[in-house]
Amino acid sequence: RNRYAPEAFARPPRGAVEGENAVF
């Protein structure tokens, strides 16, 4: 029942030059 599944929205700091590969 996919509508119950949590979904993660991840947005790195916009100043991170690595973009989506920025370190969390």
mmCIF file of all heavy atoms, coordinates in Angstrom:
data_MODEL
# 
_entry.id   MODEL 
# 
loop_
_atom_site.group_PDB 
_atom_site.id 
_atom_site.type_symbol 
_atom_site.label_atom_id 
_atom_site.label_alt_id 
_atom_site.label_comp_id 
_atom_site.label_asym_id 
_atom_site.label_entity_id 
_atom_site.label_seq_id 
_atom_site.pdbx_PDB_ins_code 
_atom_site.Cartn_x 
_atom_site.Cartn_y 
_atom_site.Cartn_z 
_atom_site.occupancy 
_atom_site.B_iso_or_equiv 
_atom_site.pdbx_formal_charge 
_atom_site.auth_seq_id 
_atom_site.auth_comp_id 
_atom_site.auth_asym_id 
_atom_site.auth_atom_id 
_atom_site.pdbx_PDB_model_num 
ATOM 1   N N   . ARG A 1 1  ? 0.856  -1.183 0.000  1.00 0.00 ? 1  ARG A N   1 
ATOM 2   C CA  . ARG A 1 1  ? 0.000  0.000  0.000  1.00 0.00 ? 1  ARG A CA  1 
ATOM 3   C C   . ARG A 1 1  ? 0.894  1.236  0.000  1.00 0.00 ? 1  ARG A C   1 
ATOM 4   O O   . ARG A 1 1  ? 1.199  1.809  1.031  1.00 0.00 ? 1  ARG A O   1 
ATOM 5   C CB  . ARG A 1 1  ? -0.933 -0.020 1.220  1.00 0.00 ? 1  ARG A CB  1 
ATOM 6   C CG  . ARG A 1 1  ? -2.057 -1.028 1.067  1.00 0.00 ? 1  ARG A CG  1 
ATOM 7   C CD  . ARG A 1 1  ? -2.999 -0.985 2.235  1.00 0.00 ? 1  ARG A CD  1 
ATOM 8   N NE  . ARG A 1 1  ? -2.497 -1.748 3.367  1.00 0.00 ? 1  ARG A NE  1 
ATOM 9   C CZ  . ARG A 1 1  ? -3.138 -1.849 4.536  1.00 0.00 ? 1  ARG A CZ  1 
ATOM 10  N NH1 . ARG A 1 1  ? -4.268 -1.216 4.712  1.00 0.00 ? 1  ARG A NH1 1 
ATOM 11  N NH2 . ARG A 1 1  ? -2.634 -2.563 5.510  1.00 0.00 ? 1  ARG A NH2 1 
ATOM 12  N N   . ASN A 1 2  ? 1.309  1.612  -1.186 1.00 0.00 ? 2  ASN A N   1 
ATOM 13  C CA  . ASN A 1 2  ? 2.360  2.607  -1.335 1.00 0.00 ? 2  ASN A CA  1 
ATOM 14  C C   . ASN A 1 2  ? 2.005  3.950  -0.727 1.00 0.00 ? 2  ASN A C   1 
ATOM 15  O O   . ASN A 1 2  ? 2.883  4.703  -0.303 1.00 0.00 ? 2  ASN A O   1 
ATOM 16  C CB  . ASN A 1 2  ? 2.698  2.786  -2.821 1.00 0.00 ? 2  ASN A CB  1 
ATOM 17  C CG  . ASN A 1 2  ? 3.935  3.625  -3.026 1.00 0.00 ? 2  ASN A CG  1 
ATOM 18  O OD1 . ASN A 1 2  ? 4.986  3.310  -2.483 1.00 0.00 ? 2  ASN A OD1 1 
ATOM 19  N ND2 . ASN A 1 2  ? 3.814  4.706  -3.775 1.00 0.00 ? 2  ASN A ND2 1 
ATOM 20  N N   . ARG A 1 3  ? 0.710  4.273  -0.656 1.00 0.00 ? 3  ARG A N   1 
ATOM 21  C CA  . ARG A 1 3  ? 0.346  5.598  -0.133 1.00 0.00 ? 3  ARG A CA  1 
ATOM 22  C C   . ARG A 1 3  ? 0.669  5.726  1.346  1.00 0.00 ? 3  ARG A C   1 
ATOM 23  O O   . ARG A 1 3  ? 0.659  6.832  1.888  1.00 0.00 ? 3  ARG A O   1 
ATOM 24  C CB  . ARG A 1 3  ? -1.140 5.885  -0.376 1.00 0.00 ? 3  ARG A CB  1 
ATOM 25  C CG  . ARG A 1 3  ? -2.098 4.953  0.328  1.00 0.00 ? 3  ARG A CG  1 
ATOM 26  C CD  . ARG A 1 3  ? -3.505 5.155  -0.224 1.00 0.00 ? 3  ARG A CD  1 
ATOM 27  N NE  . ARG A 1 3  ? -4.464 4.263  0.382  1.00 0.00 ? 3  ARG A NE  1 
ATOM 28  C CZ  . ARG A 1 3  ? -5.496 4.664  1.099  1.00 0.00 ? 3  ARG A CZ  1 
ATOM 29  N NH1 . ARG A 1 3  ? -5.685 5.941  1.306  1.00 0.00 ? 3  ARG A NH1 1 
ATOM 30  N NH2 . ARG A 1 3  ? -6.341 3.796  1.613  1.00 0.00 ? 3  ARG A NH2 1 
ATOM 31  N N   . TYR A 1 4  ? 0.932  4.595  2.022  1.00 0.00 ? 4  TYR A N   1 
ATOM 32  C CA  . TYR A 1 4  ? 1.292  4.655  3.430  1.00 0.00 ? 4  TYR A CA  1 
ATOM 33  C C   . TYR A 1 4  ? 2.800  4.737  3.632  1.00 0.00 ? 4  TYR A C   1 
ATOM 34  O O   . TYR A 1 4  ? 3.260  4.902  4.743  1.00 0.00 ? 4  TYR A O   1 
ATOM 35  C CB  . TYR A 1 4  ? 0.757  3.433  4.173  1.00 0.00 ? 4  TYR A CB  1 
ATOM 36  C CG  . TYR A 1 4  ? -0.745 3.301  4.127  1.00 0.00 ? 4  TYR A CG  1 
ATOM 37  C CD1 . TYR A 1 4  ? -1.342 2.075  3.877  1.00 0.00 ? 4  TYR A CD1 1 
ATOM 38  C CD2 . TYR A 1 4  ? -1.559 4.410  4.314  1.00 0.00 ? 4  TYR A CD2 1 
ATOM 39  C CE1 . TYR A 1 4  ? -2.727 1.948  3.823  1.00 0.00 ? 4  TYR A CE1 1 
ATOM 40  C CE2 . TYR A 1 4  ? -2.928 4.305  4.261  1.00 0.00 ? 4  TYR A CE2 1 
ATOM 41  C CZ  . TYR A 1 4  ? -3.512 3.073  4.019  1.00 0.00 ? 4  TYR A CZ  1 
ATOM 42  O OH  . TYR A 1 4  ? -4.872 2.962  3.970  1.00 0.00 ? 4  TYR A OH  1 
ATOM 43  N N   . ALA A 1 5  ? 3.555  4.545  2.590  1.00 0.00 ? 5  ALA A N   1 
ATOM 44  C CA  . ALA A 1 5  ? 5.011  4.488  2.727  1.00 0.00 ? 5  ALA A CA  1 
ATOM 45  C C   . ALA A 1 5  ? 5.589  5.888  2.930  1.00 0.00 ? 5  ALA A C   1 
ATOM 46  O O   . ALA A 1 5  ? 5.275  6.808  2.177  1.00 0.00 ? 5  ALA A O   1 
ATOM 47  C CB  . ALA A 1 5  ? 5.626  3.855  1.483  1.00 0.00 ? 5  ALA A CB  1 
ATOM 48  N N   . PRO A 1 6  ? 6.434  6.047  3.936  1.00 0.00 ? 6  PRO A N   1 
ATOM 49  C CA  . PRO A 1 6  ? 7.114  7.337  4.076  1.00 0.00 ? 6  PRO A CA  1 
ATOM 50  C C   . PRO A 1 6  ? 7.986  7.625  2.856  1.00 0.00 ? 6  PRO A C   1 
ATOM 51  O O   . PRO A 1 6  ? 8.557  6.705  2.271  1.00 0.00 ? 6  PRO A O   1 
ATOM 52  C CB  . PRO A 1 6  ? 7.975  7.142  5.328  1.00 0.00 ? 6  PRO A CB  1 
ATOM 53  C CG  . PRO A 1 6  ? 7.385  5.977  6.040  1.00 0.00 ? 6  PRO A CG  1 
ATOM 54  C CD  . PRO A 1 6  ? 6.811  5.090  4.977  1.00 0.00 ? 6  PRO A CD  1 
ATOM 55  N N   . GLU A 1 7  ? 8.056  8.851  2.479  1.00 0.00 ? 7  GLU A N   1 
ATOM 56  C CA  . GLU A 1 7  ? 8.924  9.262  1.380  1.00 0.00 ? 7  GLU A CA  1 
ATOM 57  C C   . GLU A 1 7  ? 9.837  10.364 1.889  1.00 0.00 ? 7  GLU A C   1 
ATOM 58  O O   . GLU A 1 7  ? 9.394  11.260 2.604  1.00 0.00 ? 7  GLU A O   1 
ATOM 59  C CB  . GLU A 1 7  ? 8.101  9.779  0.200  1.00 0.00 ? 7  GLU A CB  1 
ATOM 60  C CG  . GLU A 1 7  ? 7.188  8.732  -0.425 1.00 0.00 ? 7  GLU A CG  1 
ATOM 61  C CD  . GLU A 1 7  ? 6.333  9.310  -1.531 1.00 0.00 ? 7  GLU A CD  1 
ATOM 62  O OE1 . GLU A 1 7  ? 6.620  10.449 -1.951 1.00 0.00 ? 7  GLU A OE1 1 
ATOM 63  O OE2 . GLU A 1 7  ? 5.373  8.639  -1.948 1.00 0.00 ? 7  GLU A OE2 1 
ATOM 64  N N   . ALA A 1 8  ? 11.084 10.271 1.535  1.00 0.00 ? 8  ALA A N   1 
ATOM 65  C CA  . ALA A 1 8  ? 12.049 11.265 1.995  1.00 0.00 ? 8  ALA A CA  1 
ATOM 66  C C   . ALA A 1 8  ? 12.244 12.334 0.934  1.00 0.00 ? 8  ALA A C   1 
ATOM 67  O O   . ALA A 1 8  ? 12.482 12.014 -0.235 1.00 0.00 ? 8  ALA A O   1 
ATOM 68  C CB  . ALA A 1 8  ? 13.379 10.606 2.319  1.00 0.00 ? 8  ALA A CB  1 
ATOM 69  N N   . PHE A 1 9  ? 12.112 13.576 1.344  1.00 0.00 ? 9  PHE A N   1 
ATOM 70  C CA  . PHE A 1 9  ? 12.542 14.674 0.482  1.00 0.00 ? 9  PHE A CA  1 
ATOM 71  C C   . PHE A 1 9  ? 13.870 15.171 1.024  1.00 0.00 ? 9  PHE A C   1 
ATOM 72  O O   . PHE A 1 9  ? 13.964 15.608 2.172  1.00 0.00 ? 9  PHE A O   1 
ATOM 73  C CB  . PHE A 1 9  ? 11.530 15.815 0.460  1.00 0.00 ? 9  PHE A CB  1 
ATOM 74  C CG  . PHE A 1 9  ? 12.081 17.043 -0.221 1.00 0.00 ? 9  PHE A CG  1 
ATOM 75  C CD1 . PHE A 1 9  ? 12.301 17.047 -1.579 1.00 0.00 ? 9  PHE A CD1 1 
ATOM 76  C CD2 . PHE A 1 9  ? 12.410 18.179 0.514  1.00 0.00 ? 9  PHE A CD2 1 
ATOM 77  C CE1 . PHE A 1 9  ? 12.831 18.150 -2.213 1.00 0.00 ? 9  PHE A CE1 1 
ATOM 78  C CE2 . PHE A 1 9  ? 12.935 19.296 -0.114 1.00 0.00 ? 9  PHE A CE2 1 
ATOM 79  C CZ  . PHE A 1 9  ? 13.146 19.288 -1.475 1.00 0.00 ? 9  PHE A CZ  1 
ATOM 80  N N   . ALA A 1 10 ? 14.920 15.050 0.233  1.00 0.00 ? 10 ALA A N   1 
ATOM 81  C CA  . ALA A 1 10 ? 16.256 15.456 0.644  1.00 0.00 ? 10 ALA A CA  1 
ATOM 82  C C   . ALA A 1 10 ? 16.728 16.598 -0.251 1.00 0.00 ? 10 ALA A C   1 
ATOM 83  O O   . ALA A 1 10 ? 16.708 16.475 -1.473 1.00 0.00 ? 10 ALA A O   1 
ATOM 84  C CB  . ALA A 1 10 ? 17.223 14.283 0.559  1.00 0.00 ? 10 ALA A CB  1 
ATOM 85  N N   . ARG A 1 11 ? 17.114 17.679 0.374  1.00 0.00 ? 11 ARG A N   1 
ATOM 86  C CA  . ARG A 1 11 ? 17.689 18.803 -0.369 1.00 0.00 ? 11 ARG A CA  1 
ATOM 87  C C   . ARG A 1 11 ? 18.971 19.237 0.318  1.00 0.00 ? 11 ARG A C   1 
ATOM 88  O O   . ARG A 1 11 ? 18.942 19.735 1.442  1.00 0.00 ? 11 ARG A O   1 
ATOM 89  C CB  . ARG A 1 11 ? 16.725 19.988 -0.414 1.00 0.00 ? 11 ARG A CB  1 
ATOM 90  C CG  . ARG A 1 11 ? 17.147 21.068 -1.419 1.00 0.00 ? 11 ARG A CG  1 
ATOM 91  C CD  . ARG A 1 11 ? 16.583 22.439 -1.057 1.00 0.00 ? 11 ARG A CD  1 
ATOM 92  N NE  . ARG A 1 11 ? 17.266 23.015 0.096  1.00 0.00 ? 11 ARG A NE  1 
ATOM 93  C CZ  . ARG A 1 11 ? 16.919 24.176 0.650  1.00 0.00 ? 11 ARG A CZ  1 
ATOM 94  N NH1 . ARG A 1 11 ? 15.883 24.833 0.201  1.00 0.00 ? 11 ARG A NH1 1 
ATOM 95  N NH2 . ARG A 1 11 ? 17.587 24.647 1.702  1.00 0.00 ? 11 ARG A NH2 1 
ATOM 96  N N   . PRO A 1 12 ? 20.119 19.018 -0.321 1.00 0.00 ? 12 PRO A N   1 
ATOM 97  C CA  . PRO A 1 12 ? 21.389 19.423 0.294  1.00 0.00 ? 12 PRO A CA  1 
ATOM 98  C C   . PRO A 1 12 ? 21.445 20.938 0.466  1.00 0.00 ? 12 PRO A C   1 
ATOM 99  O O   . PRO A 1 12 ? 20.679 21.685 -0.164 1.00 0.00 ? 12 PRO A O   1 
ATOM 100 C CB  . PRO A 1 12 ? 22.435 18.951 -0.726 1.00 0.00 ? 12 PRO A CB  1 
ATOM 101 C CG  . PRO A 1 12 ? 21.719 18.013 -1.637 1.00 0.00 ? 12 PRO A CG  1 
ATOM 102 C CD  . PRO A 1 12 ? 20.296 18.431 -1.656 1.00 0.00 ? 12 PRO A CD  1 
ATOM 103 N N   . PRO A 1 13 ? 22.328 21.419 1.315  1.00 0.00 ? 13 PRO A N   1 
ATOM 104 C CA  . PRO A 1 13 ? 22.546 22.869 1.386  1.00 0.00 ? 13 PRO A CA  1 
ATOM 105 C C   . PRO A 1 13 ? 22.882 23.407 0.002  1.00 0.00 ? 13 PRO A C   1 
ATOM 106 O O   . PRO A 1 13 ? 23.673 22.814 -0.731 1.00 0.00 ? 13 PRO A O   1 
ATOM 107 C CB  . PRO A 1 13 ? 23.739 22.998 2.336  1.00 0.00 ? 13 PRO A CB  1 
ATOM 108 C CG  . PRO A 1 13 ? 23.688 21.763 3.182  1.00 0.00 ? 13 PRO A CG  1 
ATOM 109 C CD  . PRO A 1 13 ? 23.188 20.683 2.265  1.00 0.00 ? 13 PRO A CD  1 
ATOM 110 N N   . ARG A 1 14 ? 22.246 24.497 -0.362 1.00 0.00 ? 14 ARG A N   1 
ATOM 111 C CA  . ARG A 1 14 ? 22.424 24.988 -1.731 1.00 0.00 ? 14 ARG A CA  1 
ATOM 112 C C   . ARG A 1 14 ? 23.812 25.543 -1.995 1.00 0.00 ? 14 ARG A C   1 
ATOM 113 O O   . ARG A 1 14 ? 24.193 25.755 -3.132 1.00 0.00 ? 14 ARG A O   1 
ATOM 114 C CB  . ARG A 1 14 ? 21.353 26.038 -2.026 1.00 0.00 ? 14 ARG A CB  1 
ATOM 115 C CG  . ARG A 1 14 ? 19.951 25.428 -1.987 1.00 0.00 ? 14 ARG A CG  1 
ATOM 116 C CD  . ARG A 1 14 ? 18.896 26.391 -2.471 1.00 0.00 ? 14 ARG A CD  1 
ATOM 117 N NE  . ARG A 1 14 ? 17.585 25.731 -2.498 1.00 0.00 ? 14 ARG A NE  1 
ATOM 118 C CZ  . ARG A 1 14 ? 16.477 26.305 -2.934 1.00 0.00 ? 14 ARG A CZ  1 
ATOM 119 N NH1 . ARG A 1 14 ? 16.503 27.545 -3.365 1.00 0.00 ? 14 ARG A NH1 1 
ATOM 120 N NH2 . ARG A 1 14 ? 15.336 25.642 -2.923 1.00 0.00 ? 14 ARG A NH2 1 
ATOM 121 N N   . GLY A 1 15 ? 24.551 25.756 -0.918 1.00 0.00 ? 15 GLY A N   1 
ATOM 122 C CA  . GLY A 1 15 ? 25.920 26.224 -1.105 1.00 0.00 ? 15 GLY A CA  1 
ATOM 123 C C   . GLY A 1 15 ? 26.912 25.095 -1.276 1.00 0.00 ? 15 GLY A C   1 
ATOM 124 O O   . GLY A 1 15 ? 28.097 25.334 -1.502 1.00 0.00 ? 15 GLY A O   1 
ATOM 125 N N   . ALA A 1 16 ? 26.425 23.851 -1.192 1.00 0.00 ? 16 ALA A N   1 
ATOM 126 C CA  . ALA A 1 16 ? 27.322 22.695 -1.309 1.00 0.00 ? 16 ALA A CA  1 
ATOM 127 C C   . ALA A 1 16 ? 27.685 22.463 -2.767 1.00 0.00 ? 16 ALA A C   1 
ATOM 128 O O   . ALA A 1 16 ? 26.818 22.223 -3.604 1.00 0.00 ? 16 ALA A O   1 
ATOM 129 C CB  . ALA A 1 16 ? 26.656 21.448 -0.723 1.00 0.00 ? 16 ALA A CB  1 
ATOM 130 N N   . VAL A 1 17 ? 28.973 22.495 -3.077 1.00 0.00 ? 17 VAL A N   1 
ATOM 131 C CA  . VAL A 1 17 ? 29.402 22.339 -4.467 1.00 0.00 ? 17 VAL A CA  1 
ATOM 132 C C   . VAL A 1 17 ? 29.188 20.911 -4.947 1.00 0.00 ? 17 VAL A C   1 
ATOM 133 O O   . VAL A 1 17 ? 29.124 20.655 -6.142 1.00 0.00 ? 17 VAL A O   1 
ATOM 134 C CB  . VAL A 1 17 ? 30.888 22.735 -4.627 1.00 0.00 ? 17 VAL A CB  1 
ATOM 135 C CG1 . VAL A 1 17 ? 31.080 24.210 -4.316 1.00 0.00 ? 17 VAL A CG1 1 
ATOM 136 C CG2 . VAL A 1 17 ? 31.773 21.892 -3.715 1.00 0.00 ? 17 VAL A CG2 1 
ATOM 137 N N   . GLU A 1 18 ? 29.060 19.962 -4.000 1.00 0.00 ? 18 GLU A N   1 
ATOM 138 C CA  . GLU A 1 18 ? 28.887 18.565 -4.404 1.00 0.00 ? 18 GLU A CA  1 
ATOM 139 C C   . GLU A 1 18 ? 27.459 18.261 -4.844 1.00 0.00 ? 18 GLU A C   1 
ATOM 140 O O   . GLU A 1 18 ? 27.177 17.168 -5.320 1.00 0.00 ? 18 GLU A O   1 
ATOM 141 C CB  . GLU A 1 18 ? 29.248 17.632 -3.239 1.00 0.00 ? 18 GLU A CB  1 
ATOM 142 C CG  . GLU A 1 18 ? 30.641 17.843 -2.686 1.00 0.00 ? 18 GLU A CG  1 
ATOM 143 C CD  . GLU A 1 18 ? 30.627 18.856 -1.536 1.00 0.00 ? 18 GLU A CD  1 
ATOM 144 O OE1 . GLU A 1 18 ? 29.620 19.595 -1.390 1.00 0.00 ? 18 GLU A OE1 1 
ATOM 145 O OE2 . GLU A 1 18 ? 31.623 18.906 -0.799 1.00 0.00 ? 18 GLU A OE2 1 
ATOM 146 N N   . GLY A 1 19 ? 26.538 19.202 -4.672 1.00 0.00 ? 19 GLY A N   1 
ATOM 147 C CA  . GLY A 1 19 ? 25.151 18.979 -5.063 1.00 0.00 ? 19 GLY A CA  1 
ATOM 148 C C   . GLY A 1 19 ? 24.518 17.859 -4.263 1.00 0.00 ? 19 GLY A C   1 
ATOM 149 O O   . GLY A 1 19 ? 24.640 17.796 -3.041 1.00 0.00 ? 19 GLY A O   1 
ATOM 150 N N   . GLU A 1 20 ? 23.847 16.934 -4.949 1.00 0.00 ? 20 GLU A N   1 
ATOM 151 C CA  . GLU A 1 20 ? 23.136 15.849 -4.264 1.00 0.00 ? 20 GLU A CA  1 
ATOM 152 C C   . GLU A 1 20 ? 24.086 14.910 -3.535 1.00 0.00 ? 20 GLU A C   1 
ATOM 153 O O   . GLU A 1 20 ? 23.682 14.146 -2.659 1.00 0.00 ? 20 GLU A O   1 
ATOM 154 C CB  . GLU A 1 20 ? 22.306 15.050 -5.266 1.00 0.00 ? 20 GLU A CB  1 
ATOM 155 C CG  . GLU A 1 20 ? 23.114 14.386 -6.355 1.00 0.00 ? 20 GLU A CG  1 
ATOM 156 C CD  . GLU A 1 20 ? 22.251 13.795 -7.456 1.00 0.00 ? 20 GLU A CD  1 
ATOM 157 O OE1 . GLU A 1 20 ? 21.104 14.264 -7.633 1.00 0.00 ? 20 GLU A OE1 1 
ATOM 158 O OE2 . GLU A 1 20 ? 22.720 12.872 -8.128 1.00 0.00 ? 20 GLU A OE2 1 
ATOM 159 N N   . ASN A 1 21 ? 25.367 14.952 -3.886 1.00 0.00 ? 21 ASN A N   1 
ATOM 160 C CA  . ASN A 1 21 ? 26.356 14.123 -3.190 1.00 0.00 ? 21 ASN A CA  1 
ATOM 161 C C   . ASN A 1 21 ? 26.987 14.841 -2.002 1.00 0.00 ? 21 ASN A C   1 
ATOM 162 O O   . ASN A 1 21 ? 27.973 14.363 -1.431 1.00 0.00 ? 21 ASN A O   1 
ATOM 163 C CB  . ASN A 1 21 ? 27.453 13.683 -4.165 1.00 0.00 ? 21 ASN A CB  1 
ATOM 164 C CG  . ASN A 1 21 ? 26.926 12.716 -5.210 1.00 0.00 ? 21 ASN A CG  1 
ATOM 165 O OD1 . ASN A 1 21 ? 26.180 11.800 -4.887 1.00 0.00 ? 21 ASN A OD1 1 
ATOM 166 N ND2 . ASN A 1 21 ? 27.292 12.940 -6.462 1.00 0.00 ? 21 ASN A ND2 1 
ATOM 167 N N   . ALA A 1 22 ? 26.417 15.976 -1.620 1.00 0.00 ? 22 ALA A N   1 
ATOM 168 C CA  . ALA A 1 22 ? 26.902 16.689 -0.443 1.00 0.00 ? 22 ALA A CA  1 
ATOM 169 C C   . ALA A 1 22 ? 26.758 15.793 0.782  1.00 0.00 ? 22 ALA A C   1 
ATOM 170 O O   . ALA A 1 22 ? 25.833 14.988 0.897  1.00 0.00 ? 22 ALA A O   1 
ATOM 171 C CB  . ALA A 1 22 ? 26.119 17.984 -0.255 1.00 0.00 ? 22 ALA A CB  1 
ATOM 172 N N   . VAL A 1 23 ? 27.673 15.942 1.714  1.00 0.00 ? 23 VAL A N   1 
ATOM 173 C CA  . VAL A 1 23 ? 27.716 15.068 2.885  1.00 0.00 ? 23 VAL A CA  1 
ATOM 174 C C   . VAL A 1 23 ? 26.610 15.446 3.867  1.00 0.00 ? 23 VAL A C   1 
ATOM 175 O O   . VAL A 1 23 ? 26.468 16.608 4.259  1.00 0.00 ? 23 VAL A O   1 
ATOM 176 C CB  . VAL A 1 23 ? 29.085 15.164 3.581  1.00 0.00 ? 23 VAL A CB  1 
ATOM 177 C CG1 . VAL A 1 23 ? 29.087 14.357 4.874  1.00 0.00 ? 23 VAL A CG1 1 
ATOM 178 C CG2 . VAL A 1 23 ? 30.175 14.676 2.642  1.00 0.00 ? 23 VAL A CG2 1 
ATOM 179 N N   . PHE A 1 24 ? 25.831 14.442 4.255  1.00 0.00 ? 24 PHE A N   1 
ATOM 180 C CA  . PHE A 1 24 ? 24.850 14.616 5.313  1.00 0.00 ? 24 PHE A CA  1 
ATOM 181 C C   . PHE A 1 24 ? 25.451 14.246 6.664  1.00 0.00 ? 24 PHE A C   1 
ATOM 182 O O   . PHE A 1 24 ? 25.209 14.913 7.660  1.00 0.00 ? 24 PHE A O   1 
ATOM 183 C CB  . PHE A 1 24 ? 23.606 13.766 5.031  1.00 0.00 ? 24 PHE A CB  1 
ATOM 184 C CG  . PHE A 1 24 ? 22.536 13.922 6.067  1.00 0.00 ? 24 PHE A CG  1 
ATOM 185 C CD1 . PHE A 1 24 ? 21.620 14.959 5.976  1.00 0.00 ? 24 PHE A CD1 1 
ATOM 186 C CD2 . PHE A 1 24 ? 22.436 13.039 7.135  1.00 0.00 ? 24 PHE A CD2 1 
ATOM 187 C CE1 . PHE A 1 24 ? 20.640 15.114 6.943  1.00 0.00 ? 24 PHE A CE1 1 
ATOM 188 C CE2 . PHE A 1 24 ? 21.456 13.187 8.095  1.00 0.00 ? 24 PHE A CE2 1 
ATOM 189 C CZ  . PHE A 1 24 ? 20.554 14.232 8.006  1.00 0.00 ? 24 PHE A CZ  1 
# 
